[in-house]
Amino acid sequence: MVKTLNDDDDSTLGADCDPGIEQDAPLLDLLDAMVDERGRAPAAGVLGVNYRTLALCCDSRQVSRRMRRALVDFRDRGVDGGGETDLADDGSLDEGVAVLRQRVAELEDENAELRKLADDQALQLEELTRRLAALEDGRQSEDADELVDADADDKRGNDQSENAAQDWRPPRRKPGMPGAGVVTLEEQPDEALAFGPATALVAEWRQLRTGGGQVASRVDRAQAAVRRWELEAAMIGEYRLTLPPDTYPLDDGRRADHVRWRRDALAEAQRELRKAKRARLLRRFLTMGMSRK
């Protein structure tokens, strides 16, 4: 690349000019030929001067020392074979332009390959999205069927236990039996009498408290948490039992608070269960896609 001469101080251009020097006529002819072929800005770049210097020379027809030096250098390069000697030949290309055109062609080829790869990946992503949506729809249908069956079972179970739960109250404290409706982590004598129809719920709750956190998968842990909060809400609200760490029967005000925060915990556990099921479905889908490849 030709370095631009230091011609930032355009105020001295007029003082640098030597008007009427006869030897400058060939240089002006050379400059006119370059400007006609390339235009002023490209010609200034080739000569290594700024646009204002070249324009002043063209308009005033006076060659400053800077322009004379640039034109002579360009002419000498042409004589030595290092510059452009045939300016009228429209088929000649500057070496730098040829290199740039070759690079542009290479980039176009690379872009074509990248576009093809992007199109292929877009098609694959569209197919994966379609298959995932189909699997999700099927899973939702299964979940809906399971939910309907579970609701029906719960309704039958609730119908059978509502009467007993409404009429039953924990008995008064007796020697050797659990305090009136107070549940402990360890089984106590005479619990069937103390807990009545809630005895089976207490046994299931103890199992979840001791083994619910040991299940392997995220879905199983979430299901165990959902079931635990369901049991605690029912035992406290419907059967009026008291759970650890409380050791004395709850009054009605505290009982309502305990039921409320158990239901809040149940709602959060249900959200976590839905997330875990979606994550499991996605893992299965991705594993299936990778195994087919």
C-alpha atoms as a PDB file:
ATOM      1  CA  MET A   1       0.000   0.000   0.000  1.00  0.00           C
ATOM      2  CA  VAL A   2       1.293   3.486  -0.879  1.00  0.00           C
ATOM      3  CA  LYS A   3       1.798   5.675   2.187  1.00  0.00           C
ATOM      4  CA  THR A   4       0.038   9.034   2.115  1.00  0.00           C
ATOM      5  CA  LEU A   5       2.386  11.971   2.061  1.00  0.00           C
ATOM      6  CA  ASN A   6       2.202  14.456   4.904  1.00  0.00           C
ATOM      7  CA  ASP A   7      -0.018  17.075   3.321  1.00  0.00           C
ATOM      8  CA  ASP A   8      -2.347  17.931   6.183  1.00  0.00           C
ATOM      9  CA  ASP A   9      -1.436  21.630   6.045  1.00  0.00           C
ATOM     10  CA  ASP A  10      -3.400  22.626   2.934  1.00  0.00           C
ATOM     11  CA  SER A  11      -2.899  26.313   3.654  1.00  0.00           C
ATOM     12  CA  THR A  12       0.632  26.072   2.227  1.00  0.00           C
ATOM     13  CA  LEU A  13      -0.343  24.349  -0.989  1.00  0.00           C
ATOM     14  CA  GLY A  14      -0.399  27.575  -2.965  1.00  0.00           C
ATOM     15  CA  ALA A  15       3.025  28.565  -1.705  1.00  0.00           C
ATOM     16  CA  ASP A  16       4.421  25.166  -2.716  1.00  0.00           C
ATOM     17  CA  CYS A  17       3.231  25.503  -6.318  1.00  0.00           C
ATOM     18  CA  ASP A  18       5.643  26.422  -9.106  1.00  0.00           C
ATOM     19  CA  PRO A  19       3.337  27.740 -11.847  1.00  0.00           C
ATOM     20  CA  GLY A  20       4.400  27.741 -15.434  1.00  0.00           C
ATOM     21  CA  ILE A  21       7.138  25.150 -15.152  1.00  0.00           C
ATOM     22  CA  GLU A  22       7.174  23.450 -18.503  1.00  0.00           C
ATOM     23  CA  GLN A  23       8.410  20.103 -17.179  1.00  0.00           C
ATOM     24  CA  ASP A  24       5.184  19.716 -15.187  1.00  0.00           C
ATOM     25  CA  ALA A  25       3.068  19.372 -18.345  1.00  0.00           C
ATOM     26  CA  PRO A  26       3.718  15.601 -18.689  1.00  0.00           C
ATOM     27  CA  LEU A  27       2.949  15.172 -15.002  1.00  0.00           C
ATOM     28  CA  LEU A  28      -0.359  17.010 -15.415  1.00  0.00           C
ATOM     29  CA  ASP A  29      -1.167  14.825 -18.425  1.00  0.00           C
ATOM     30  CA  LEU A  30      -0.441  11.754 -16.292  1.00  0.00           C
ATOM     31  CA  LEU A  31      -2.651  13.110 -13.519  1.00  0.00           C
ATOM     32  CA  ASP A  32      -5.493  13.848 -15.963  1.00  0.00           C
ATOM     33  CA  ALA A  33      -5.276  10.314 -17.332  1.00  0.00           C
ATOM     34  CA  MET A  34      -5.445   8.828 -13.843  1.00  0.00           C
ATOM     35  CA  VAL A  35      -8.406  11.013 -12.842  1.00  0.00           C
ATOM     36  CA  ASP A  36     -10.266  10.223 -16.074  1.00  0.00           C
ATOM     37  CA  GLU A  37      -9.786   6.511 -15.547  1.00  0.00           C
ATOM     38  CA  ARG A  38     -10.254   6.217 -11.798  1.00  0.00           C
ATOM     39  CA  GLY A  39     -11.804   9.371 -10.447  1.00  0.00           C
ATOM     40  CA  ARG A  40     -10.212  11.852  -8.066  1.00  0.00           C
ATOM     41  CA  ALA A  41     -10.514   9.972  -4.787  1.00  0.00           C
ATOM     42  CA  PRO A  42      -9.105   6.643  -6.087  1.00  0.00           C
ATOM     43  CA  ALA A  43      -6.326   8.499  -7.917  1.00  0.00           C
ATOM     44  CA  ALA A  44      -5.393  10.299  -4.687  1.00  0.00           C
ATOM     45  CA  GLY A  45      -5.199   6.937  -2.933  1.00  0.00           C
ATOM     46  CA  VAL A  46      -2.912   5.503  -5.606  1.00  0.00           C
ATOM     47  CA  LEU A  47      -0.619   8.537  -5.481  1.00  0.00           C
ATOM     48  CA  GLY A  48      -0.555   8.609  -1.687  1.00  0.00           C
ATOM     49  CA  VAL A  49      -1.865  12.166  -1.272  1.00  0.00           C
ATOM     50  CA  ASN A  50      -5.097  13.405   0.195  1.00  0.00           C
ATOM     51  CA  TYR A  51      -8.093  14.404  -1.866  1.00  0.00           C
ATOM     52  CA  ARG A  52      -7.745  18.155  -1.269  1.00  0.00           C
ATOM     53  CA  THR A  53      -4.161  18.199  -2.523  1.00  0.00           C
ATOM     54  CA  LEU A  54      -5.078  16.358  -5.724  1.00  0.00           C
ATOM     55  CA  ALA A  55      -8.208  18.460  -6.312  1.00  0.00           C
ATOM     56  CA  LEU A  56      -6.268  21.726  -5.902  1.00  0.00           C
ATOM     57  CA  CYS A  57      -3.698  20.555  -8.449  1.00  0.00           C
ATOM     58  CA  CYS A  58      -6.387  19.540 -10.957  1.00  0.00           C
ATOM     59  CA  ASP A  59      -8.310  22.785 -10.597  1.00  0.00           C
ATOM     60  CA  SER A  60      -5.376  25.216 -10.501  1.00  0.00           C
ATOM     61  CA  ARG A  61      -3.222  23.304 -12.999  1.00  0.00           C
ATOM     62  CA  GLN A  62      -0.299  24.112 -10.688  1.00  0.00           C
ATOM     63  CA  VAL A  63       1.814  21.236  -9.363  1.00  0.00           C
ATOM     64  CA  SER A  64       2.939  21.552  -5.779  1.00  0.00           C
ATOM     65  CA  ARG A  65       6.122  19.967  -4.557  1.00  0.00           C
ATOM     66  CA  ARG A  66       4.101  17.216  -2.886  1.00  0.00           C
ATOM     67  CA  MET A  67       2.137  16.438  -6.045  1.00  0.00           C
ATOM     68  CA  ARG A  68       5.264  16.582  -8.196  1.00  0.00           C
ATOM     69  CA  ARG A  69       7.027  14.128  -5.891  1.00  0.00           C
ATOM     70  CA  ALA A  70       4.004  11.788  -5.882  1.00  0.00           C
ATOM     71  CA  LEU A  71       3.552  11.888  -9.675  1.00  0.00           C
ATOM     72  CA  VAL A  72       7.254  11.388 -10.353  1.00  0.00           C
ATOM     73  CA  ASP A  73       7.367   8.443  -7.944  1.00  0.00           C
ATOM     74  CA  PHE A  74       4.328   6.901  -9.613  1.00  0.00           C
ATOM     75  CA  ARG A  75       5.771   7.445 -13.086  1.00  0.00           C
ATOM     76  CA  ASP A  76       9.129   5.960 -12.057  1.00  0.00           C
ATOM     77  CA  ARG A  77       7.445   2.881 -10.611  1.00  0.00           C
ATOM     78  CA  GLY A  78       5.715   2.408 -13.921  1.00  0.00           C
ATOM     79  CA  VAL A  79       8.990   2.689 -15.810  1.00  0.00           C
ATOM     80  CA  ASP A  80      10.631   0.167 -13.463  1.00  0.00           C
ATOM     81  CA  GLY A  81       7.745  -2.253 -13.856  1.00  0.00           C
ATOM     82  CA  GLY A  82       6.426  -1.697 -10.322  1.00  0.00           C
ATOM     83  CA  GLY A  83       3.552   0.621 -11.167  1.00  0.00           C
ATOM     84  CA  GLU A  84       0.749   1.040 -13.673  1.00  0.00           C
ATOM     85  CA  THR A  85       2.065   2.010 -17.102  1.00  0.00           C
ATOM     86  CA  ASP A  86      -0.947   1.409 -19.320  1.00  0.00           C
ATOM     87  CA  LEU A  87      -3.682   3.545 -17.765  1.00  0.00           C
ATOM     88  CA  ALA A  88      -5.908   3.353 -20.830  1.00  0.00           C
ATOM     89  CA  ASP A  89      -6.178  -0.423 -20.646  1.00  0.00           C
ATOM     90  CA  ASP A  90      -9.534  -1.046 -18.966  1.00  0.00           C
ATOM     91  CA  GLY A  91      -8.805  -4.788 -18.614  1.00  0.00           C
ATOM     92  CA  SER A  92      -5.841  -4.325 -16.263  1.00  0.00           C
ATOM     93  CA  LEU A  93      -6.524  -4.842 -12.532  1.00  0.00           C
ATOM     94  CA  ASP A  94      -4.535  -3.603  -9.650  1.00  0.00           C
ATOM     95  CA  GLU A  95      -2.901  -6.487  -7.802  1.00  0.00           C
ATOM     96  CA  GLY A  96      -4.586  -5.473  -4.560  1.00  0.00           C
ATOM     97  CA  VAL A  97      -7.993  -5.414  -6.258  1.00  0.00           C
ATOM     98  CA  ALA A  98      -7.397  -8.885  -7.681  1.00  0.00           C
ATOM     99  CA  VAL A  99      -6.505 -10.209  -4.226  1.00  0.00           C
ATOM    100  CA  LEU A 100      -9.605  -8.621  -2.737  1.00  0.00           C
ATOM    101  CA  ARG A 101     -11.841 -10.079  -5.433  1.00  0.00           C
ATOM    102  CA  GLN A 102     -10.383 -13.518  -4.842  1.00  0.00           C
ATOM    103  CA  ARG A 103     -11.022 -13.160  -1.112  1.00  0.00           C
ATOM    104  CA  VAL A 104     -14.596 -12.017  -1.759  1.00  0.00           C
ATOM    105  CA  ALA A 105     -15.172 -15.101  -3.918  1.00  0.00           C
ATOM    106  CA  GLU A 106     -13.817 -17.334  -1.154  1.00  0.00           C
ATOM    107  CA  LEU A 107     -16.066 -15.656   1.406  1.00  0.00           C
ATOM    108  CA  GLU A 108     -19.081 -16.104  -0.852  1.00  0.00           C
ATOM    109  CA  ASP A 109     -18.326 -19.825  -1.080  1.00  0.00           C
ATOM    110  CA  GLU A 110     -17.976 -20.032   2.693  1.00  0.00           C
ATOM    111  CA  ASN A 111     -21.232 -18.129   3.176  1.00  0.00           C
ATOM    112  CA  ALA A 112     -23.002 -20.506   0.806  1.00  0.00           C
ATOM    113  CA  GLU A 113     -21.784 -23.476   2.847  1.00  0.00           C
ATOM    114  CA  LEU A 114     -22.829 -21.787   6.088  1.00  0.00           C
ATOM    115  CA  ARG A 115     -26.282 -21.016   4.685  1.00  0.00           C
ATOM    116  CA  LYS A 116     -26.709 -24.633   3.639  1.00  0.00           C
ATOM    117  CA  LEU A 117     -25.620 -25.822   7.088  1.00  0.00           C
ATOM    118  CA  ALA A 118     -27.996 -23.354   8.768  1.00  0.00           C
ATOM    119  CA  ASP A 119     -30.873 -24.540   6.571  1.00  0.00           C
ATOM    120  CA  ASP A 120     -30.135 -28.176   7.442  1.00  0.00           C
ATOM    121  CA  GLN A 121     -30.009 -27.385  11.151  1.00  0.00           C
ATOM    122  CA  ALA A 122     -33.244 -25.402  10.923  1.00  0.00           C
ATOM    123  CA  LEU A 123     -34.964 -28.404   9.344  1.00  0.00           C
ATOM    124  CA  GLN A 124     -33.608 -30.707  12.055  1.00  0.00           C
ATOM    125  CA  LEU A 125     -34.745 -28.301  14.777  1.00  0.00           C
ATOM    126  CA  GLU A 126     -38.197 -28.077  13.223  1.00  0.00           C
ATOM    127  CA  GLU A 127     -38.457 -31.861  13.160  1.00  0.00           C
ATOM    128  CA  LEU A 128     -37.281 -32.142  16.776  1.00  0.00           C
ATOM    129  CA  THR A 129     -39.781 -29.481  17.842  1.00  0.00           C
ATOM    130  CA  ARG A 130     -42.598 -31.300  16.078  1.00  0.00           C
ATOM    131  CA  ARG A 131     -41.712 -34.618  17.677  1.00  0.00           C
ATOM    132  CA  LEU A 132     -41.361 -33.031  21.106  1.00  0.00           C
ATOM    133  CA  ALA A 133     -44.783 -31.396  20.751  1.00  0.00           C
ATOM    134  CA  ALA A 134     -46.297 -34.751  19.782  1.00  0.00           C
ATOM    135  CA  LEU A 135     -44.706 -36.458  22.781  1.00  0.00           C
ATOM    136  CA  GLU A 136     -45.836 -33.641  25.071  1.00  0.00           C
ATOM    137  CA  ASP A 137     -49.416 -33.906  23.782  1.00  0.00           C
ATOM    138  CA  GLY A 138     -49.390 -37.650  24.359  1.00  0.00           C
ATOM    139  CA  ARG A 139     -47.960 -37.201  27.832  1.00  0.00           C
ATOM    140  CA  GLN A 140     -50.552 -34.581  28.713  1.00  0.00           C
ATOM    141  CA  SER A 141     -53.312 -36.931  27.580  1.00  0.00           C
ATOM    142  CA  GLU A 142     -51.918 -39.682  29.807  1.00  0.00           C
ATOM    143  CA  ASP A 143     -51.616 -37.266  32.725  1.00  0.00           C
ATOM    144  CA  ALA A 144     -55.187 -36.104  32.162  1.00  0.00           C
ATOM    145  CA  ASP A 145     -56.455 -39.697  32.187  1.00  0.00           C
ATOM    146  CA  GLU A 146     -54.479 -40.446  35.333  1.00  0.00           C
ATOM    147  CA  LEU A 147     -55.826 -37.282  36.946  1.00  0.00           C
ATOM    148  CA  VAL A 148     -59.418 -38.220  36.126  1.00  0.00           C
ATOM    149  CA  ASP A 149     -58.902 -41.710  37.563  1.00  0.00           C
ATOM    150  CA  ALA A 150     -57.207 -40.306  40.648  1.00  0.00           C
ATOM    151  CA  ASP A 151     -59.995 -37.762  41.166  1.00  0.00           C
ATOM    152  CA  ALA A 152     -62.569 -40.525  40.901  1.00  0.00           C
ATOM    153  CA  ASP A 153     -60.686 -42.663  43.433  1.00  0.00           C
ATOM    154  CA  ASP A 154     -60.256 -39.703  45.769  1.00  0.00           C
ATOM    155  CA  LYS A 155     -63.930 -38.856  45.514  1.00  0.00           C
ATOM    156  CA  ARG A 156     -64.937 -42.412  46.410  1.00  0.00           C
ATOM    157  CA  GLY A 157     -62.436 -42.479  49.252  1.00  0.00           C
ATOM    158  CA  ASN A 158     -63.509 -39.078  50.520  1.00  0.00           C
ATOM    159  CA  ASP A 159     -67.179 -40.048  50.382  1.00  0.00           C
ATOM    160  CA  GLN A 160     -66.421 -43.085  52.517  1.00  0.00           C
ATOM    161  CA  SER A 161     -64.251 -41.240  55.032  1.00  0.00           C
ATOM    162  CA  GLU A 162     -66.024 -37.882  55.281  1.00  0.00           C
ATOM    163  CA  ASN A 163     -68.701 -39.146  57.616  1.00  0.00           C
ATOM    164  CA  ALA A 164     -66.148 -40.808  59.860  1.00  0.00           C
ATOM    165  CA  ALA A 165     -63.838 -37.791  59.795  1.00  0.00           C
ATOM    166  CA  GLN A 166     -66.638 -35.361  60.606  1.00  0.00           C
ATOM    167  CA  ASP A 167     -67.878 -37.354  63.606  1.00  0.00           C
ATOM    168  CA  TRP A 168     -64.488 -38.439  64.950  1.00  0.00           C
ATOM    169  CA  ARG A 169     -62.431 -36.479  67.473  1.00  0.00           C
ATOM    170  CA  PRO A 170     -59.204 -37.580  69.178  1.00  0.00           C
ATOM    171  CA  PRO A 171     -60.064 -39.161  72.526  1.00  0.00           C
ATOM    172  CA  ARG A 172     -58.963 -37.706  75.816  1.00  0.00           C
ATOM    173  CA  ARG A 173     -55.532 -38.593  77.110  1.00  0.00           C
ATOM    174  CA  LYS A 174     -55.311 -42.000  78.758  1.00  0.00           C
ATOM    175  CA  PRO A 175     -52.383 -43.635  80.493  1.00  0.00           C
ATOM    176  CA  GLY A 176     -50.111 -45.430  78.002  1.00  0.00           C
ATOM    177  CA  MET A 177     -51.651 -43.982  74.814  1.00  0.00           C
ATOM    178  CA  PRO A 178     -50.575 -41.090  72.552  1.00  0.00           C
ATOM    179  CA  GLY A 179     -51.598 -37.649  73.769  1.00  0.00           C
ATOM    180  CA  ALA A 180     -54.942 -36.616  72.363  1.00  0.00           C
ATOM    181  CA  GLY A 181     -54.271 -36.648  68.604  1.00  0.00           C
ATOM    182  CA  VAL A 182     -50.543 -35.785  68.890  1.00  0.00           C
ATOM    183  CA  VAL A 183     -48.524 -37.710  66.272  1.00  0.00           C
ATOM    184  CA  THR A 184     -44.915 -38.700  66.919  1.00  0.00           C
ATOM    185  CA  LEU A 185     -42.254 -39.913  64.487  1.00  0.00           C
ATOM    186  CA  GLU A 186     -42.152 -43.282  66.277  1.00  0.00           C
ATOM    187  CA  GLU A 187     -45.168 -45.550  66.540  1.00  0.00           C
ATOM    188  CA  GLN A 188     -46.847 -45.549  69.966  1.00  0.00           C
ATOM    189  CA  PRO A 189     -49.160 -48.067  71.663  1.00  0.00           C
ATOM    190  CA  ASP A 190     -52.924 -47.720  71.142  1.00  0.00           C
ATOM    191  CA  GLU A 191     -52.550 -45.429  68.119  1.00  0.00           C
ATOM    192  CA  ALA A 192     -55.604 -46.947  66.446  1.00  0.00           C
ATOM    193  CA  LEU A 193     -57.706 -45.671  69.331  1.00  0.00           C
ATOM    194  CA  ALA A 194     -55.980 -42.289  69.389  1.00  0.00           C
ATOM    195  CA  PHE A 195     -55.952 -41.623  65.635  1.00  0.00           C
ATOM    196  CA  GLY A 196     -59.047 -43.522  64.550  1.00  0.00           C
ATOM    197  CA  PRO A 197     -59.642 -43.507  60.751  1.00  0.00           C
ATOM    198  CA  ALA A 198     -56.431 -41.476  60.270  1.00  0.00           C
ATOM    199  CA  THR A 199     -54.212 -44.354  61.470  1.00  0.00           C
ATOM    200  CA  ALA A 200     -53.402 -45.476  57.901  1.00  0.00           C
ATOM    201  CA  LEU A 201     -52.532 -41.893  56.911  1.00  0.00           C
ATOM    202  CA  VAL A 202     -50.185 -41.604  59.882  1.00  0.00           C
ATOM    203  CA  ALA A 203     -48.393 -44.816  58.893  1.00  0.00           C
ATOM    204  CA  GLU A 204     -47.977 -43.618  55.281  1.00  0.00           C
ATOM    205  CA  TRP A 205     -46.781 -40.210  56.488  1.00  0.00           C
ATOM    206  CA  ARG A 206     -44.107 -41.822  58.670  1.00  0.00           C
ATOM    207  CA  GLN A 207     -42.869 -43.816  55.693  1.00  0.00           C
ATOM    208  CA  LEU A 208     -42.542 -40.650  53.614  1.00  0.00           C
ATOM    209  CA  ARG A 209     -40.760 -38.807  56.429  1.00  0.00           C
ATOM    210  CA  THR A 210     -38.155 -41.549  56.811  1.00  0.00           C
ATOM    211  CA  GLY A 211     -37.703 -42.644  53.168  1.00  0.00           C
ATOM    212  CA  GLY A 212     -39.121 -39.877  50.968  1.00  0.00           C
ATOM    213  CA  GLY A 213     -35.796 -38.084  50.596  1.00  0.00           C
ATOM    214  CA  GLN A 214     -33.928 -41.257  49.630  1.00  0.00           C
ATOM    215  CA  VAL A 215     -35.667 -41.841  46.292  1.00  0.00           C
ATOM    216  CA  ALA A 216     -33.358 -41.612  43.303  1.00  0.00           C
ATOM    217  CA  SER A 217     -35.097 -39.525  40.659  1.00  0.00           C
ATOM    218  CA  ARG A 218     -36.265 -35.929  40.745  1.00  0.00           C
ATOM    219  CA  VAL A 219     -39.784 -36.968  39.734  1.00  0.00           C
ATOM    220  CA  ASP A 220     -40.014 -39.522  42.567  1.00  0.00           C
ATOM    221  CA  ARG A 221     -38.814 -36.962  45.103  1.00  0.00           C
ATOM    222  CA  ALA A 222     -41.362 -34.441  43.855  1.00  0.00           C
ATOM    223  CA  GLN A 223     -44.163 -37.024  44.021  1.00  0.00           C
ATOM    224  CA  ALA A 224     -43.150 -37.934  47.577  1.00  0.00           C
ATOM    225  CA  ALA A 225     -43.237 -34.249  48.569  1.00  0.00           C
ATOM    226  CA  VAL A 226     -46.691 -33.788  47.022  1.00  0.00           C
ATOM    227  CA  ARG A 227     -48.049 -36.805  48.859  1.00  0.00           C
ATOM    228  CA  ARG A 228     -46.519 -35.724  52.168  1.00  0.00           C
ATOM    229  CA  TRP A 229     -48.140 -32.276  52.067  1.00  0.00           C
ATOM    230  CA  GLU A 230     -51.464 -33.847  51.035  1.00  0.00           C
ATOM    231  CA  LEU A 231     -51.308 -36.159  54.041  1.00  0.00           C
ATOM    232  CA  GLU A 232     -50.334 -33.415  56.495  1.00  0.00           C
ATOM    233  CA  ALA A 233     -53.096 -31.084  55.284  1.00  0.00           C
ATOM    234  CA  ALA A 234     -55.645 -33.884  55.665  1.00  0.00           C
ATOM    235  CA  MET A 235     -54.390 -35.082  59.064  1.00  0.00           C
ATOM    236  CA  ILE A 236     -54.368 -31.569  60.546  1.00  0.00           C
ATOM    237  CA  GLY A 237     -57.450 -30.150  58.840  1.00  0.00           C
ATOM    238  CA  GLU A 238     -59.823 -33.110  58.508  1.00  0.00           C
ATOM    239  CA  TYR A 239     -58.732 -35.389  61.352  1.00  0.00           C
ATOM    240  CA  ARG A 240     -57.601 -32.633  63.740  1.00  0.00           C
ATOM    241  CA  LEU A 241     -54.297 -34.296  64.537  1.00  0.00           C
ATOM    242  CA  THR A 242     -51.154 -32.494  65.689  1.00  0.00           C
ATOM    243  CA  LEU A 243     -47.821 -33.152  63.960  1.00  0.00           C
ATOM    244  CA  PRO A 244     -44.224 -32.717  65.117  1.00  0.00           C
ATOM    245  CA  PRO A 245     -42.590 -30.588  66.341  1.00  0.00           C
ATOM    246  CA  ASP A 246     -45.773 -29.641  68.258  1.00  0.00           C
ATOM    247  CA  THR A 247     -46.369 -31.837  71.308  1.00  0.00           C
ATOM    248  CA  TYR A 248     -49.677 -30.374  72.502  1.00  0.00           C
ATOM    249  CA  PRO A 249     -53.014 -30.329  70.629  1.00  0.00           C
ATOM    250  CA  LEU A 250     -53.511 -27.288  68.375  1.00  0.00           C
ATOM    251  CA  ASP A 251     -56.263 -24.768  69.006  1.00  0.00           C
ATOM    252  CA  ASP A 252     -58.529 -23.778  66.119  1.00  0.00           C
ATOM    253  CA  GLY A 253     -56.564 -20.623  65.234  1.00  0.00           C
ATOM    254  CA  ARG A 254     -53.192 -22.336  65.045  1.00  0.00           C
ATOM    255  CA  ARG A 255     -54.740 -25.310  63.262  1.00  0.00           C
ATOM    256  CA  ALA A 256     -55.996 -23.037  60.452  1.00  0.00           C
ATOM    257  CA  ASP A 257     -52.512 -21.511  60.093  1.00  0.00           C
ATOM    258  CA  HIS A 258     -50.897 -24.954  59.903  1.00  0.00           C
ATOM    259  CA  VAL A 259     -53.363 -26.122  57.267  1.00  0.00           C
ATOM    260  CA  ARG A 260     -52.811 -22.955  55.225  1.00  0.00           C
ATOM    261  CA  TRP A 261     -49.040 -23.229  55.000  1.00  0.00           C
ATOM    262  CA  ARG A 262     -49.276 -26.958  54.224  1.00  0.00           C
ATOM    263  CA  ARG A 263     -51.518 -26.144  51.291  1.00  0.00           C
ATOM    264  CA  ASP A 264     -49.040 -23.495  50.118  1.00  0.00           C
ATOM    265  CA  ALA A 265     -46.254 -26.075  50.336  1.00  0.00           C
ATOM    266  CA  LEU A 266     -48.452 -28.530  48.426  1.00  0.00           C
ATOM    267  CA  ALA A 267     -48.978 -26.042  45.583  1.00  0.00           C
ATOM    268  CA  GLU A 268     -45.218 -25.432  45.334  1.00  0.00           C
ATOM    269  CA  ALA A 269     -44.531 -29.185  45.346  1.00  0.00           C
ATOM    270  CA  GLN A 270     -47.066 -29.702  42.550  1.00  0.00           C
ATOM    271  CA  ARG A 271     -45.301 -27.050  40.452  1.00  0.00           C
ATOM    272  CA  GLU A 272     -41.966 -28.771  41.058  1.00  0.00           C
ATOM    273  CA  LEU A 273     -43.514 -32.102  40.037  1.00  0.00           C
ATOM    274  CA  ARG A 274     -44.705 -30.658  36.730  1.00  0.00           C
ATOM    275  CA  LYS A 275     -41.225 -29.219  36.065  1.00  0.00           C
ATOM    276  CA  ALA A 276     -39.597 -32.550  36.902  1.00  0.00           C
ATOM    277  CA  LYS A 277     -41.906 -34.437  34.538  1.00  0.00           C
ATOM    278  CA  ARG A 278     -41.198 -32.021  31.700  1.00  0.00           C
ATOM    279  CA  ALA A 279     -37.451 -32.312  32.305  1.00  0.00           C
ATOM    280  CA  ARG A 280     -37.683 -36.107  32.307  1.00  0.00           C
ATOM    281  CA  LEU A 281     -39.677 -36.073  29.084  1.00  0.00           C
ATOM    282  CA  LEU A 282     -37.111 -33.796  27.439  1.00  0.00           C
ATOM    283  CA  ARG A 283     -34.223 -36.030  28.551  1.00  0.00           C
ATOM    284  CA  ARG A 284     -35.960 -39.095  27.130  1.00  0.00           C
ATOM    285  CA  PHE A 285     -36.623 -37.280  23.891  1.00  0.00           C
ATOM    286  CA  LEU A 286     -33.023 -36.106  23.531  1.00  0.00           C
ATOM    287  CA  THR A 287     -31.700 -39.554  24.414  1.00  0.00           C
ATOM    288  CA  MET A 288     -33.973 -41.121  21.826  1.00  0.00           C
ATOM    289  CA  GLY A 289     -32.820 -38.603  19.193  1.00  0.00           C
ATOM    290  CA  MET A 290     -29.132 -39.234  19.928  1.00  0.00           C
ATOM    291  CA  SER A 291     -29.546 -43.014  19.886  1.00  0.00           C
ATOM    292  CA  ARG A 292     -31.131 -42.860  16.426  1.00  0.00           C
ATOM    293  CA  LYS A 293     -28.145 -40.930  15.106  1.00  0.00           C
END
